[in-house]
Each structure stands twice: as structure tokens, then as C-alpha cells.
Amino acid sequence: MHNAPLRRWLPLLIALAGVLLVFAIPALQVTKWVGRKTLPVEVRISDSDSLDVVVGAEVTMFDGPQSHMEGPVSGRKLTDFVPDPESPTTKKALTDSDGIARVEYAFWTAGSDGPWENSGYVDTSCVWVRILAPDRLMALVPLDRQSVRPRDIHDLTPIVVTVVLNKSAADVRDAGPAEN
């Protein structure tokens, strides 16, 4: 007779534990996600001889293949590094009077959300910056590792890339021998 109160409350305790499990299990789950996040990018262009800013340079950001810092690049052709003008991720801007081109770029992101975890990163790999300017050699720069990698999902500061452009080979020949 000593177990009678326990037998009376046992079905209620089991039902209560079941209800708690139904609500507790989803609350303890972690959701993994992948998407895109738009961040500001500032590309600063300078002249290699004078370090003056280069005004009017065309800066194009685009999704491309891995860089040598991300993995093997053997077998790549120059055509693999041409921006697709039809791609919604290809963005262009011109440098202003300060030599800065400002681009809002949608980077791949990934992360996880849960009761004890809310983190993510911005993946800057496989993003390239091409710079074209009159009378200068083209520059092609991987964006990856120009900034902290992986970049925290909550960091909204601009990614800053500095590129120093050389004059074209014809301009260098016409200038004559370098003075010491």
C-alpha cells in the first residue's frame, strides 16, 4: 500500500515528461545554414611609381576559381578569371577622386543558430577583383586573405583591398632607363 500514491501519480509524471520532451528537444537543436550576405568592399588603387591615387580605374568583383592561397590552381586558363557580365554577383565601380572604388558585394556565408550557439562566417574565397585603368597593366587579385579569414558574420566593417598598378609596358619603355 506504500506504492499506491506513486502508482496514482506515475501516469501524470510520464505524460508531463513527454510534454517536456516535445518542447525541449526542438529548443536544444542547432540549425545549420548557408546563404549570402552583402558587405561593403573598398578597393584603393595607387600608382606604382608615385603612389598617387588612380582616378577612374574600373574595378570589377566577381566569383571565380580558387586562388593559389586556397588550393591547387594547376590547369587554370586566363579565361577562368574573366567576370561573367550576366552574373548577378558581378559588380563594377570606378575609383573616385580618392582612388577608392566602393562595391557592395554578396559573399557566401554559413553558420549555425541554437540556444547556446549563434555564429557564422563570411567566405571571401573564390572572389576576385579585376582592375582596368588607361595606360596601365591589368591587375587581377584574389580577395581571399586580404581580410581576416574566416570573417565573422557580425563584422560589418568594409573589406579593404589595396592594389598598386604599374604603367603599361609601352609607357615604361618610353620613359627610358631608370635613374638611380
Protein backbone atom coordinates (compact mmCIF):
# COMPACT_ATOMS: atom_id res chain seq x y z
CA MET A 1 0.00 0.00 0.00
CA HIS A 2 3.02 2.21 0.33
CA ASN A 3 3.36 2.43 -3.53
CA ALA A 4 -0.27 3.48 -4.07
CA PRO A 5 0.45 7.27 -4.28
CA LEU A 6 3.28 6.59 -6.72
CA ARG A 7 1.05 4.46 -8.96
CA ARG A 8 -1.58 7.17 -8.94
CA TRP A 9 0.92 9.93 -9.98
CA LEU A 10 3.06 7.82 -12.34
CA PRO A 11 0.87 8.24 -15.47
CA LEU A 12 0.72 12.01 -14.86
CA LEU A 13 4.51 12.19 -14.41
CA ILE A 14 5.08 10.20 -17.62
CA ALA A 15 2.69 12.47 -19.55
CA LEU A 16 4.39 15.57 -18.12
CA ALA A 17 7.85 14.22 -19.07
CA GLY A 18 6.58 13.52 -22.60
CA VAL A 19 5.26 17.06 -22.98
CA LEU A 20 8.57 18.48 -21.71
CA LEU A 21 10.50 16.36 -24.22
CA VAL A 22 8.28 17.51 -27.09
CA PHE A 23 9.12 21.15 -26.29
CA ALA A 24 12.70 20.68 -25.05
CA ILE A 25 14.14 18.71 -27.99
CA PRO A 26 13.45 21.39 -30.65
CA ALA A 27 14.77 24.07 -28.29
CA LEU A 28 18.06 22.18 -27.97
CA GLN A 29 18.56 21.69 -31.71
CA VAL A 30 21.12 23.68 -33.66
CA THR A 31 20.22 24.90 -37.13
CA LYS A 32 22.97 24.98 -39.75
CA TRP A 33 22.52 27.43 -42.61
CA VAL A 34 24.15 28.71 -45.81
CA GLY A 35 23.34 31.92 -47.67
CA ARG A 36 24.73 35.22 -48.90
CA LYS A 37 25.46 38.44 -47.07
CA THR A 38 26.19 41.79 -48.69
CA LEU A 39 29.19 43.64 -47.29
CA PRO A 40 30.95 46.83 -48.34
CA VAL A 41 34.29 46.46 -50.12
CA GLU A 42 36.69 49.37 -50.69
CA VAL A 43 39.33 48.89 -53.35
CA ARG A 44 42.10 51.51 -53.16
CA ILE A 45 44.20 51.97 -56.29
CA SER A 46 47.64 53.66 -56.31
CA ASP A 47 50.34 54.27 -58.94
CA SER A 48 53.46 52.13 -58.51
CA ASP A 49 55.90 54.97 -59.25
CA SER A 50 54.41 57.92 -57.38
CA LEU A 51 51.94 56.18 -55.05
CA ASP A 52 49.40 58.80 -56.18
CA VAL A 53 45.80 57.64 -56.39
CA VAL A 54 44.49 56.37 -59.72
CA VAL A 55 41.21 58.06 -60.61
CA GLY A 56 38.71 56.43 -62.98
CA ALA A 57 40.02 52.86 -62.76
CA GLU A 58 37.35 50.24 -63.40
CA VAL A 59 37.08 47.73 -60.55
CA THR A 60 35.15 44.52 -61.16
CA MET A 61 34.43 41.98 -58.42
CA PHE A 62 33.30 38.51 -59.44
CA ASP A 63 33.02 34.88 -58.35
CA GLY A 64 35.86 32.85 -59.82
CA PRO A 65 38.03 29.81 -59.24
CA GLN A 66 40.18 29.10 -56.19
CA SER A 67 43.28 31.20 -55.70
CA HIS A 68 46.69 29.71 -55.03
CA MET A 69 46.13 30.53 -51.34
CA GLU A 70 43.01 28.35 -51.25
CA GLY A 71 44.20 25.27 -53.05
CA PRO A 72 45.68 23.91 -56.26
CA VAL A 73 45.28 26.11 -59.33
CA SER A 74 47.07 23.97 -61.89
CA GLY A 75 45.32 23.71 -65.22
CA ARG A 76 43.71 27.16 -64.98
CA LYS A 77 43.44 29.37 -68.05
CA LEU A 78 43.15 33.14 -68.15
CA THR A 79 39.58 32.70 -69.38
CA ASP A 80 38.73 31.15 -65.99
CA PHE A 81 39.37 34.58 -64.49
CA VAL A 82 37.02 36.61 -66.69
CA PRO A 83 33.99 38.10 -64.93
CA ASP A 84 30.61 37.00 -66.22
CA PRO A 85 28.72 40.21 -67.03
CA GLU A 86 25.42 38.30 -66.81
CA SER A 87 26.04 37.04 -63.27
CA PRO A 88 24.13 38.84 -60.52
CA THR A 89 27.25 38.62 -58.34
CA THR A 90 29.48 40.53 -60.78
CA LYS A 91 29.78 44.13 -59.55
CA LYS A 92 31.59 47.12 -61.09
CA ALA A 93 32.64 50.54 -59.80
CA LEU A 94 35.03 53.32 -60.77
CA THR A 95 37.63 54.81 -58.45
CA ASP A 96 36.75 58.28 -57.19
CA SER A 97 38.99 61.30 -56.61
CA ASP A 98 40.49 59.49 -53.60
CA GLY A 99 41.36 56.44 -55.72
CA ILE A 100 38.70 54.31 -53.99
CA ALA A 101 36.04 52.17 -55.66
CA ARG A 102 33.21 51.17 -53.35
CA VAL A 103 31.31 47.96 -54.07
CA GLU A 104 28.52 46.21 -52.18
CA TYR A 105 29.24 42.50 -52.72
CA ALA A 106 27.15 39.45 -51.80
CA PHE A 107 29.53 36.88 -50.25
CA TRP A 108 28.71 33.26 -49.41
CA THR A 109 28.06 32.77 -45.71
CA ALA A 110 27.48 29.83 -43.41
CA GLY A 111 26.73 29.41 -39.75
CA SER A 112 24.65 27.84 -37.04
CA ASP A 113 21.95 29.05 -34.70
CA GLY A 114 20.88 27.38 -31.49
CA PRO A 115 20.19 28.07 -27.84
CA TRP A 116 23.89 28.22 -26.91
CA GLU A 117 25.39 28.98 -30.27
CA ASN A 118 24.84 31.76 -32.78
CA SER A 119 27.83 32.04 -35.07
CA GLY A 120 28.73 32.27 -38.71
CA TYR A 121 31.37 33.40 -41.13
CA VAL A 122 31.67 35.19 -44.44
CA ASP A 123 33.59 33.22 -47.06
CA THR A 124 35.81 35.52 -49.13
CA SER A 125 37.36 32.65 -51.10
CA CYS A 126 36.77 32.35 -54.85
CA VAL A 127 36.09 36.10 -55.14
CA TRP A 128 38.34 38.09 -57.47
CA VAL A 129 39.00 41.78 -58.10
CA ARG A 130 39.99 42.88 -61.60
CA ILE A 131 41.30 46.41 -62.13
CA LEU A 132 41.48 48.10 -65.54
CA ALA A 133 42.86 51.62 -65.97
CA PRO A 134 44.02 53.55 -69.04
CA ASP A 135 47.74 53.23 -69.79
CA ARG A 136 48.21 50.67 -67.03
CA LEU A 137 48.60 46.92 -66.86
CA MET A 138 45.55 44.97 -65.75
CA ALA A 139 45.61 43.67 -62.19
CA LEU A 140 43.83 40.54 -61.01
CA VAL A 141 43.76 39.99 -57.24
CA PRO A 142 42.09 37.25 -55.17
CA LEU A 143 40.05 38.80 -52.39
CA ASP A 144 40.68 35.89 -50.04
CA ARG A 145 43.12 36.61 -47.22
CA GLN A 146 43.00 40.33 -47.92
CA SER A 147 40.98 40.39 -44.73
CA VAL A 148 40.72 38.17 -41.67
CA ARG A 149 39.63 34.68 -42.66
CA PRO A 150 37.15 33.44 -41.78
CA ARG A 151 35.39 36.76 -41.39
CA ASP A 152 32.84 36.88 -38.58
CA ILE A 153 29.24 37.11 -39.75
CA HIS A 154 28.59 40.08 -37.42
CA ASP A 155 31.54 42.16 -38.70
CA LEU A 156 30.07 44.88 -40.93
CA THR A 157 33.25 46.91 -41.44
CA PRO A 158 34.37 47.30 -45.06
CA ILE A 159 36.79 44.81 -46.53
CA VAL A 160 39.69 46.96 -47.73
CA VAL A 161 41.90 45.92 -50.65
CA THR A 162 44.88 47.99 -51.79
CA VAL A 163 46.25 47.49 -55.29
CA VAL A 164 49.30 49.22 -56.74
CA LEU A 165 49.14 49.46 -60.54
CA ASN A 166 52.11 49.57 -62.90
CA LYS A 167 52.19 51.61 -66.07
CA SER A 168 51.89 49.72 -69.32
CA ALA A 169 54.98 48.17 -70.86
CA ALA A 170 54.97 50.83 -73.62
CA ASP A 171 55.00 53.63 -71.03
CA VAL A 172 57.92 52.02 -69.22
CA ARG A 173 59.91 51.68 -72.50
CA ASP A 174 59.18 55.30 -73.47
CA ALA A 175 60.35 56.59 -70.08
CA GLY A 176 63.89 55.39 -70.76
CA PRO A 177 66.30 53.79 -68.28
CA ALA A 178 65.60 54.09 -64.60
CA GLU A 179 67.63 56.68 -62.73
CA ASN A 180 69.49 55.69 -59.60
